[in-house]
Amino acid sequence: MFSHGVCLFIKVYNCCRMEVKIVSKFAHSFPVYVTDYNSGMDVFAFIKQKIVLKPLKRVLVPTGSYIELPEGFEAQIRPRSGLAVKHGLKILNTPDTMDADYRGEIQVILVNLSSKNCNIKDGDRIGQMVIARHEKIRWKLVQELNDTVQGSGGFGHTGI
């Protein structure tokens, strides 16, 4: 990995702060909360040259950041609504889940759903990262499940 690293403070539940190790090759900024009320941190493209993303094509965009989450947490990479509405850019496999034992570079799979080419430049905000606690489960094999109002009605069963 890289020899230089910084500590990133990540807000977790009830405005608590948890320290998470990060290594960042990105000269501009590592993932950052824009306001105190954001649940997601903006992540930035870390590329040597501009990417021209053609309509209906996809690309894997590096961020230059590597993190070490504690056990019981995950990082989810989600789209930025502004990119979707203004440029037709979407993140595939949303949310992209990074497990606590993943040590590779944070990368974002962008797809261009517009009819025009889209330029991605170094330093562009390309997604947002949300850190979330998760639980491990243990399956309990039973013969039937409790009945509910929705039951097994499926998609659209409870309304529009």
N, C-alpha and C. Protein backbone atom coordinates (compact mmCIF):
# COMPACT_ATOMS: atom_id res chain seq x y z
N MET A 1 0.84 -1.18 0.00
CA MET A 1 0.00 0.00 0.00
C MET A 1 0.88 1.24 0.00
N PHE A 2 0.36 2.32 0.49
CA PHE A 2 1.04 3.60 0.45
C PHE A 2 1.51 3.98 1.84
N SER A 3 2.58 4.73 1.90
CA SER A 3 3.17 5.05 3.20
C SER A 3 2.50 6.22 3.88
N HIS A 4 1.86 7.10 3.12
CA HIS A 4 1.22 8.25 3.78
C HIS A 4 -0.27 7.97 3.96
N GLY A 5 -0.76 8.29 5.13
CA GLY A 5 -2.17 8.07 5.42
C GLY A 5 -2.67 9.16 6.35
N VAL A 6 -3.96 9.31 6.39
CA VAL A 6 -4.56 10.29 7.28
C VAL A 6 -5.74 9.64 7.97
N CYS A 7 -6.17 10.22 9.06
CA CYS A 7 -7.35 9.72 9.75
C CYS A 7 -8.56 10.51 9.27
N LEU A 8 -9.64 9.83 9.03
CA LEU A 8 -10.88 10.45 8.59
C LEU A 8 -11.90 10.20 9.67
N PHE A 9 -12.58 11.24 10.11
CA PHE A 9 -13.62 11.08 11.10
C PHE A 9 -14.94 10.88 10.39
N ILE A 10 -15.64 9.81 10.73
CA ILE A 10 -16.90 9.45 10.10
C ILE A 10 -17.99 9.50 11.14
N LYS A 11 -19.07 10.20 10.83
CA LYS A 11 -20.19 10.28 11.76
C LYS A 11 -20.95 8.96 11.74
N VAL A 12 -21.29 8.46 12.90
CA VAL A 12 -22.05 7.23 13.01
C VAL A 12 -23.11 7.43 14.08
N TYR A 13 -24.37 7.29 13.72
CA TYR A 13 -25.50 7.31 14.65
C TYR A 13 -25.41 8.36 15.76
N ASN A 14 -26.44 9.16 15.89
CA ASN A 14 -26.56 10.18 16.93
C ASN A 14 -25.36 11.11 17.00
N CYS A 15 -24.82 11.45 15.84
CA CYS A 15 -23.72 12.41 15.73
C CYS A 15 -22.46 11.97 16.47
N CYS A 16 -22.34 10.69 16.76
CA CYS A 16 -21.10 10.18 17.33
C CYS A 16 -20.04 10.22 16.24
N ARG A 17 -18.81 10.15 16.63
CA ARG A 17 -17.74 10.10 15.64
C ARG A 17 -16.90 8.86 15.88
N MET A 18 -16.51 8.26 14.78
CA MET A 18 -15.68 7.07 14.85
C MET A 18 -14.48 7.34 13.95
N GLU A 19 -13.32 6.93 14.39
CA GLU A 19 -12.12 7.15 13.60
C GLU A 19 -11.93 5.97 12.66
N VAL A 20 -11.68 6.28 11.38
CA VAL A 20 -11.46 5.26 10.36
C VAL A 20 -10.16 5.58 9.64
N LYS A 21 -9.32 4.57 9.48
CA LYS A 21 -8.06 4.77 8.77
C LYS A 21 -8.33 4.93 7.27
N ILE A 22 -7.59 5.87 6.66
CA ILE A 22 -7.68 6.08 5.22
C ILE A 22 -6.30 6.34 4.66
N VAL A 23 -6.03 5.78 3.50
CA VAL A 23 -4.85 6.10 2.72
C VAL A 23 -5.38 6.78 1.47
N SER A 24 -4.82 7.94 1.15
CA SER A 24 -5.33 8.69 0.00
C SER A 24 -4.20 9.16 -0.89
N LYS A 25 -4.29 8.81 -2.18
CA LYS A 25 -3.34 9.28 -3.19
C LYS A 25 -3.85 10.58 -3.81
N PHE A 26 -5.05 10.99 -3.43
CA PHE A 26 -5.72 12.09 -4.09
C PHE A 26 -5.24 13.43 -3.55
N ALA A 27 -4.68 14.24 -4.41
CA ALA A 27 -4.11 15.52 -4.00
C ALA A 27 -5.19 16.53 -3.59
N HIS A 28 -6.39 16.42 -4.14
CA HIS A 28 -7.43 17.42 -3.91
C HIS A 28 -8.14 17.22 -2.58
N SER A 29 -8.69 16.05 -2.37
CA SER A 29 -9.45 15.79 -1.15
C SER A 29 -9.81 14.32 -1.08
N PHE A 30 -9.88 13.80 0.13
CA PHE A 30 -10.42 12.46 0.30
C PHE A 30 -11.91 12.60 0.57
N PRO A 31 -12.67 11.48 0.67
CA PRO A 31 -14.13 11.60 0.87
C PRO A 31 -14.45 12.59 1.99
N VAL A 32 -15.46 13.43 1.76
CA VAL A 32 -15.74 14.51 2.69
C VAL A 32 -17.24 14.78 2.79
N TYR A 33 -17.69 15.06 4.03
CA TYR A 33 -19.06 15.54 4.23
C TYR A 33 -19.08 17.01 3.83
N VAL A 34 -20.04 17.41 3.02
CA VAL A 34 -20.13 18.80 2.59
C VAL A 34 -20.78 19.66 3.67
N THR A 35 -21.80 19.11 4.35
CA THR A 35 -22.43 19.84 5.46
C THR A 35 -22.47 18.93 6.69
N ASP A 36 -22.76 19.52 7.83
CA ASP A 36 -22.85 18.75 9.08
C ASP A 36 -24.00 17.75 9.07
N TYR A 37 -24.98 17.94 8.20
CA TYR A 37 -26.17 17.07 8.19
C TYR A 37 -26.11 15.99 7.11
N ASN A 38 -25.07 15.95 6.32
CA ASN A 38 -24.96 14.93 5.27
C ASN A 38 -24.76 13.54 5.87
N SER A 39 -25.43 12.55 5.29
CA SER A 39 -25.19 11.17 5.68
C SER A 39 -24.14 10.54 4.79
N GLY A 40 -23.94 11.11 3.61
CA GLY A 40 -22.96 10.60 2.67
C GLY A 40 -21.83 11.58 2.44
N MET A 41 -20.64 11.03 2.23
CA MET A 41 -19.47 11.84 1.90
C MET A 41 -19.27 11.81 0.39
N ASP A 42 -19.00 12.96 -0.19
CA ASP A 42 -18.69 12.99 -1.61
C ASP A 42 -17.37 12.28 -1.86
N VAL A 43 -17.33 11.49 -2.95
CA VAL A 43 -16.09 10.87 -3.41
C VAL A 43 -15.74 11.47 -4.76
N PHE A 44 -14.44 11.56 -5.04
CA PHE A 44 -13.95 12.30 -6.18
C PHE A 44 -13.18 11.41 -7.15
N ALA A 45 -13.26 11.74 -8.43
CA ALA A 45 -12.50 11.02 -9.45
C ALA A 45 -11.01 11.32 -9.28
N PHE A 46 -10.20 10.29 -9.35
CA PHE A 46 -8.75 10.42 -9.30
C PHE A 46 -8.21 9.82 -10.59
N ILE A 47 -8.12 10.65 -11.64
CA ILE A 47 -7.74 10.16 -12.97
C ILE A 47 -6.68 11.08 -13.57
N LYS A 48 -5.83 10.50 -14.42
CA LYS A 48 -4.74 11.25 -15.04
C LYS A 48 -5.23 12.09 -16.20
N GLN A 49 -6.22 11.59 -16.92
CA GLN A 49 -6.76 12.34 -18.04
C GLN A 49 -8.27 12.22 -18.08
N LYS A 50 -8.88 13.19 -18.71
CA LYS A 50 -10.34 13.25 -18.81
C LYS A 50 -10.88 11.97 -19.43
N ILE A 51 -12.02 11.50 -18.92
CA ILE A 51 -12.72 10.35 -19.49
C ILE A 51 -13.93 10.89 -20.25
N VAL A 52 -14.08 10.49 -21.50
CA VAL A 52 -15.27 10.82 -22.27
C VAL A 52 -16.15 9.58 -22.26
N LEU A 53 -17.26 9.68 -21.52
CA LEU A 53 -18.17 8.55 -21.39
C LEU A 53 -19.30 8.70 -22.39
N LYS A 54 -19.33 7.80 -23.37
CA LYS A 54 -20.34 7.85 -24.43
C LYS A 54 -21.68 7.34 -23.92
N PRO A 55 -22.77 7.71 -24.59
CA PRO A 55 -24.10 7.23 -24.18
C PRO A 55 -24.16 5.71 -24.07
N LEU A 56 -24.79 5.24 -23.01
CA LEU A 56 -25.01 3.83 -22.70
C LEU A 56 -23.73 3.03 -22.47
N LYS A 57 -22.63 3.72 -22.23
CA LYS A 57 -21.36 3.05 -21.91
C LYS A 57 -21.09 3.23 -20.41
N ARG A 58 -20.22 2.38 -19.89
CA ARG A 58 -19.88 2.44 -18.47
C ARG A 58 -18.36 2.47 -18.31
N VAL A 59 -17.93 2.94 -17.14
CA VAL A 59 -16.51 3.04 -16.86
C VAL A 59 -16.29 2.89 -15.35
N LEU A 60 -15.17 2.29 -14.98
CA LEU A 60 -14.77 2.15 -13.59
C LEU A 60 -13.82 3.31 -13.27
N VAL A 61 -14.25 4.19 -12.36
CA VAL A 61 -13.49 5.40 -12.05
C VAL A 61 -12.83 5.27 -10.68
N PRO A 62 -11.51 5.37 -10.62
CA PRO A 62 -10.81 5.29 -9.33
C PRO A 62 -10.97 6.58 -8.52
N THR A 63 -10.82 6.45 -7.20
CA THR A 63 -10.90 7.62 -6.32
C THR A 63 -9.58 7.91 -5.62
N GLY A 64 -8.64 6.99 -5.67
CA GLY A 64 -7.37 7.20 -5.00
C GLY A 64 -7.43 7.00 -3.49
N SER A 65 -8.55 6.50 -2.97
CA SER A 65 -8.71 6.32 -1.53
C SER A 65 -8.89 4.85 -1.17
N TYR A 66 -8.32 4.47 -0.03
CA TYR A 66 -8.39 3.12 0.52
C TYR A 66 -8.75 3.28 1.98
N ILE A 67 -9.71 2.48 2.47
CA ILE A 67 -10.14 2.64 3.87
C ILE A 67 -10.08 1.32 4.62
N GLU A 68 -10.07 1.42 5.93
CA GLU A 68 -10.10 0.25 6.81
C GLU A 68 -11.24 0.44 7.81
N LEU A 69 -12.37 -0.20 7.52
CA LEU A 69 -13.54 -0.10 8.39
C LEU A 69 -13.46 -1.12 9.51
N PRO A 70 -14.04 -0.80 10.66
CA PRO A 70 -14.11 -1.79 11.72
C PRO A 70 -15.14 -2.87 11.40
N GLU A 71 -14.97 -4.04 11.99
CA GLU A 71 -15.93 -5.13 11.81
C GLU A 71 -17.32 -4.65 12.23
N GLY A 72 -18.34 -5.07 11.47
CA GLY A 72 -19.72 -4.68 11.77
C GLY A 72 -20.17 -3.46 10.99
N PHE A 73 -19.29 -2.90 10.14
CA PHE A 73 -19.63 -1.74 9.32
C PHE A 73 -19.37 -2.04 7.86
N GLU A 74 -20.05 -1.32 7.00
CA GLU A 74 -19.85 -1.40 5.56
C GLU A 74 -19.85 0.01 5.00
N ALA A 75 -19.26 0.17 3.82
CA ALA A 75 -19.35 1.43 3.09
C ALA A 75 -20.20 1.17 1.86
N GLN A 76 -21.17 2.05 1.63
CA GLN A 76 -22.01 1.96 0.45
C GLN A 76 -21.71 3.15 -0.45
N ILE A 77 -21.46 2.87 -1.72
CA ILE A 77 -21.24 3.93 -2.70
C ILE A 77 -22.55 4.13 -3.43
N ARG A 78 -23.06 5.36 -3.38
CA ARG A 78 -24.37 5.69 -3.94
C ARG A 78 -24.25 6.82 -4.95
N PRO A 79 -25.25 6.94 -5.84
CA PRO A 79 -25.20 8.01 -6.83
C PRO A 79 -25.42 9.38 -6.21
N ARG A 80 -24.99 10.40 -6.92
CA ARG A 80 -25.30 11.79 -6.58
C ARG A 80 -26.46 12.20 -7.46
N SER A 81 -27.51 12.71 -6.86
CA SER A 81 -28.72 13.05 -7.61
C SER A 81 -28.45 14.11 -8.67
N GLY A 82 -27.56 15.05 -8.40
CA GLY A 82 -27.25 16.09 -9.38
C GLY A 82 -26.66 15.53 -10.65
N LEU A 83 -25.80 14.52 -10.54
CA LEU A 83 -25.22 13.89 -11.73
C LEU A 83 -26.29 13.19 -12.55
N ALA A 84 -27.24 12.58 -11.87
CA ALA A 84 -28.30 11.86 -12.57
C ALA A 84 -29.20 12.83 -13.33
N VAL A 85 -29.67 13.87 -12.66
CA VAL A 85 -30.63 14.78 -13.29
C VAL A 85 -29.97 15.69 -14.33
N LYS A 86 -28.75 16.15 -14.09
CA LYS A 86 -28.10 17.10 -15.01
C LYS A 86 -27.38 16.42 -16.15
N HIS A 87 -26.81 15.22 -15.91
CA HIS A 87 -25.95 14.59 -16.91
C HIS A 87 -26.34 13.17 -17.28
N GLY A 88 -27.34 12.60 -16.62
CA GLY A 88 -27.74 11.23 -16.93
C GLY A 88 -26.76 10.19 -16.45
N LEU A 89 -25.87 10.56 -15.51
CA LEU A 89 -24.91 9.59 -14.97
C LEU A 89 -25.51 8.86 -13.78
N LYS A 90 -25.30 7.57 -13.76
CA LYS A 90 -25.83 6.70 -12.71
C LYS A 90 -24.72 5.76 -12.28
N ILE A 91 -24.79 5.29 -11.05
CA ILE A 91 -23.84 4.28 -10.58
C ILE A 91 -24.50 2.92 -10.73
N LEU A 92 -23.78 2.01 -11.40
CA LEU A 92 -24.28 0.64 -11.52
C LEU A 92 -24.09 -0.07 -10.19
N ASN A 93 -24.78 -1.15 -10.00
CA ASN A 93 -24.78 -1.97 -8.78
C ASN A 93 -24.99 -1.12 -7.52
N THR A 94 -25.92 -0.19 -7.61
CA THR A 94 -26.21 0.73 -6.50
C THR A 94 -27.07 0.06 -5.45
N PRO A 95 -26.77 0.18 -4.16
CA PRO A 95 -25.48 0.71 -3.71
C PRO A 95 -24.40 -0.34 -3.84
N ASP A 96 -23.21 0.13 -4.17
CA ASP A 96 -22.04 -0.74 -4.21
C ASP A 96 -21.60 -0.92 -2.76
N THR A 97 -21.47 -2.14 -2.32
CA THR A 97 -21.13 -2.42 -0.92
C THR A 97 -19.66 -2.80 -0.79
N MET A 98 -18.97 -2.14 0.13
CA MET A 98 -17.59 -2.48 0.46
C MET A 98 -17.59 -3.05 1.88
N ASP A 99 -17.14 -4.27 2.02
CA ASP A 99 -17.09 -4.93 3.31
C ASP A 99 -15.91 -4.41 4.14
N ALA A 100 -15.98 -4.64 5.45
CA ALA A 100 -14.95 -4.15 6.36
C ALA A 100 -13.57 -4.75 6.08
N ASP A 101 -13.50 -5.92 5.45
CA ASP A 101 -12.19 -6.51 5.18
C ASP A 101 -11.66 -6.18 3.78
N TYR A 102 -12.36 -5.33 3.03
CA TYR A 102 -11.88 -4.90 1.71
C TYR A 102 -10.81 -3.83 1.90
N ARG A 103 -9.67 -4.00 1.27
CA ARG A 103 -8.58 -3.04 1.39
C ARG A 103 -8.19 -2.42 0.05
N GLY A 104 -8.93 -2.74 -1.00
CA GLY A 104 -8.61 -2.18 -2.31
C GLY A 104 -9.08 -0.74 -2.45
N GLU A 105 -8.76 -0.17 -3.58
CA GLU A 105 -9.13 1.22 -3.86
C GLU A 105 -10.65 1.34 -4.01
N ILE A 106 -11.20 2.41 -3.47
CA ILE A 106 -12.61 2.73 -3.69
C ILE A 106 -12.74 3.15 -5.15
N GLN A 107 -13.61 2.46 -5.89
CA GLN A 107 -13.84 2.77 -7.30
C GLN A 107 -15.34 2.84 -7.54
N VAL A 108 -15.72 3.61 -8.52
CA VAL A 108 -17.14 3.85 -8.81
C VAL A 108 -17.43 3.47 -10.25
N ILE A 109 -18.46 2.63 -10.46
CA ILE A 109 -18.86 2.23 -11.81
C ILE A 109 -19.94 3.20 -12.28
N LEU A 110 -19.58 4.08 -13.22
CA LEU A 110 -20.52 5.05 -13.76
C LEU A 110 -21.04 4.59 -15.12
N VAL A 111 -22.31 4.85 -15.39
CA VAL A 111 -22.91 4.58 -16.68
C VAL A 111 -23.57 5.88 -17.15
N ASN A 112 -23.47 6.14 -18.45
CA ASN A 112 -24.07 7.34 -19.04
C ASN A 112 -25.41 6.94 -19.66
N LEU A 113 -26.50 7.35 -19.04
CA LEU A 113 -27.84 7.02 -19.54
C LEU A 113 -28.42 8.14 -20.39
N SER A 114 -27.62 9.16 -20.69
CA SER A 114 -28.10 10.26 -21.53
C SER A 114 -27.80 9.96 -23.00
N SER A 115 -28.19 10.87 -23.86
CA SER A 115 -27.94 10.71 -25.30
C SER A 115 -26.70 11.49 -25.73
N LYS A 116 -25.96 12.09 -24.78
CA LYS A 116 -24.78 12.90 -25.09
C LYS A 116 -23.55 12.35 -24.37
N ASN A 117 -22.37 12.61 -24.95
CA ASN A 117 -21.13 12.27 -24.27
C ASN A 117 -21.05 13.05 -22.96
N CYS A 118 -20.42 12.46 -21.95
CA CYS A 118 -20.24 13.12 -20.67
C CYS A 118 -18.75 13.08 -20.32
N ASN A 119 -18.20 14.23 -19.97
CA ASN A 119 -16.79 14.32 -19.60
C ASN A 119 -16.63 14.17 -18.09
N ILE A 120 -15.71 13.31 -17.69
CA ILE A 120 -15.37 13.13 -16.27
C ILE A 120 -13.92 13.57 -16.13
N LYS A 121 -13.70 14.54 -15.23
CA LYS A 121 -12.37 15.10 -15.04
C LYS A 121 -11.84 14.77 -13.65
N ASP A 122 -10.53 14.83 -13.51
CA ASP A 122 -9.90 14.63 -12.22
C ASP A 122 -10.49 15.62 -11.22
N GLY A 123 -10.90 15.12 -10.05
CA GLY A 123 -11.47 15.97 -9.02
C GLY A 123 -12.97 16.11 -9.06
N ASP A 124 -13.63 15.58 -10.11
CA ASP A 124 -15.10 15.64 -10.17
C ASP A 124 -15.71 14.80 -9.06
N ARG A 125 -16.79 15.29 -8.47
CA ARG A 125 -17.54 14.49 -7.49
C ARG A 125 -18.34 13.46 -8.27
N ILE A 126 -18.10 12.18 -8.01
CA ILE A 126 -18.70 11.13 -8.83
C ILE A 126 -19.66 10.23 -8.06
N GLY A 127 -19.77 10.39 -6.77
CA GLY A 127 -20.67 9.57 -5.98
C GLY A 127 -20.61 10.01 -4.54
N GLN A 128 -21.30 9.26 -3.69
CA GLN A 128 -21.23 9.53 -2.27
C GLN A 128 -21.11 8.21 -1.52
N MET A 129 -20.39 8.27 -0.41
CA MET A 129 -20.15 7.09 0.39
C MET A 129 -20.85 7.23 1.73
N VAL A 130 -21.64 6.22 2.06
CA VAL A 130 -22.35 6.17 3.34
C VAL A 130 -21.78 5.00 4.14
N ILE A 131 -21.42 5.26 5.39
CA ILE A 131 -20.94 4.21 6.28
C ILE A 131 -22.12 3.74 7.12
N ALA A 132 -22.35 2.44 7.15
CA ALA A 132 -23.52 1.91 7.87
C ALA A 132 -23.13 0.70 8.70
N ARG A 133 -23.76 0.60 9.85
CA ARG A 133 -23.61 -0.59 10.70
C ARG A 133 -24.47 -1.69 10.08
N HIS A 134 -24.04 -2.91 10.21
CA HIS A 134 -24.85 -4.03 9.75
C HIS A 134 -24.81 -5.15 10.78
N GLU A 135 -25.77 -6.02 10.71
CA GLU A 135 -25.88 -7.15 11.63
C GLU A 135 -25.61 -8.45 10.89
N LYS A 136 -25.07 -9.41 11.59
CA LYS A 136 -24.95 -10.77 11.08
C LYS A 136 -26.16 -11.55 11.59
N ILE A 137 -26.68 -12.41 10.75
CA ILE A 137 -27.84 -13.19 11.17
C ILE A 137 -27.49 -14.67 11.26
N ARG A 138 -28.34 -15.41 11.90
CA ARG A 138 -28.25 -16.86 11.95
C ARG A 138 -29.62 -17.35 11.49
N TRP A 139 -29.65 -18.19 10.48
CA TRP A 139 -30.92 -18.71 9.96
C TRP A 139 -31.58 -19.64 10.97
N LYS A 140 -32.89 -19.51 11.10
CA LYS A 140 -33.68 -20.41 11.94
C LYS A 140 -34.69 -21.08 11.02
N LEU A 141 -34.51 -22.35 10.76
CA LEU A 141 -35.39 -23.09 9.86
C LEU A 141 -36.72 -23.36 10.56
N VAL A 142 -37.83 -22.93 9.93
CA VAL A 142 -39.18 -23.14 10.46
C VAL A 142 -40.06 -23.70 9.35
N GLN A 143 -41.25 -24.15 9.69
CA GLN A 143 -42.17 -24.70 8.71
C GLN A 143 -43.07 -23.63 8.08
N GLU A 144 -43.29 -22.52 8.80
CA GLU A 144 -44.11 -21.44 8.26
C GLU A 144 -43.73 -20.13 8.93
N LEU A 145 -44.15 -19.03 8.29
CA LEU A 145 -43.87 -17.69 8.79
C LEU A 145 -45.13 -17.06 9.34
N ASN A 146 -44.99 -16.08 10.24
CA ASN A 146 -46.15 -15.36 10.75
C ASN A 146 -46.87 -14.64 9.62
N ASP A 147 -48.21 -14.56 9.71
CA ASP A 147 -49.01 -13.89 8.70
C ASP A 147 -48.96 -12.38 8.90
N THR A 148 -49.00 -11.62 7.80
CA THR A 148 -49.03 -10.15 7.85
C THR A 148 -50.09 -9.64 6.89
N VAL A 149 -50.34 -8.33 6.91
CA VAL A 149 -51.31 -7.73 6.00
C VAL A 149 -50.87 -7.91 4.56
N GLN A 150 -49.60 -7.67 4.26
CA GLN A 150 -49.11 -7.81 2.89
C GLN A 150 -49.00 -9.27 2.49
N GLY A 151 -48.64 -10.11 3.42
CA GLY A 151 -48.51 -11.53 3.09
C GLY A 151 -47.52 -11.75 1.97
N SER A 152 -47.91 -12.51 0.98
CA SER A 152 -47.05 -12.79 -0.16
C SER A 152 -47.52 -12.06 -1.42
N GLY A 153 -48.19 -10.91 -1.21
CA GLY A 153 -48.76 -10.14 -2.33
C GLY A 153 -47.77 -9.66 -3.35
N GLY A 154 -46.53 -9.39 -2.97
CA GLY A 154 -45.51 -9.02 -3.92
C GLY A 154 -45.51 -7.56 -4.32
N PHE A 155 -44.85 -7.28 -5.44
CA PHE A 155 -44.66 -5.92 -5.93
C PHE A 155 -45.98 -5.21 -6.17
N GLY A 156 -46.12 -4.01 -5.61
CA GLY A 156 -47.31 -3.19 -5.84
C GLY A 156 -48.55 -3.65 -5.11
N HIS A 157 -48.42 -4.62 -4.24
CA HIS A 157 -49.57 -5.22 -3.59
C HIS A 157 -50.27 -4.25 -2.63
N THR A 158 -49.50 -3.37 -1.97
CA THR A 158 -50.11 -2.49 -0.98
C THR A 158 -50.45 -1.10 -1.52
N GLY A 159 -50.36 -0.89 -2.82
CA GLY A 159 -50.72 0.40 -3.41
C GLY A 159 -49.76 0.79 -4.51
N ILE A 160 -49.86 2.07 -4.93
CA ILE A 160 -49.05 2.57 -6.05
C ILE A 160 -47.63 2.79 -5.61
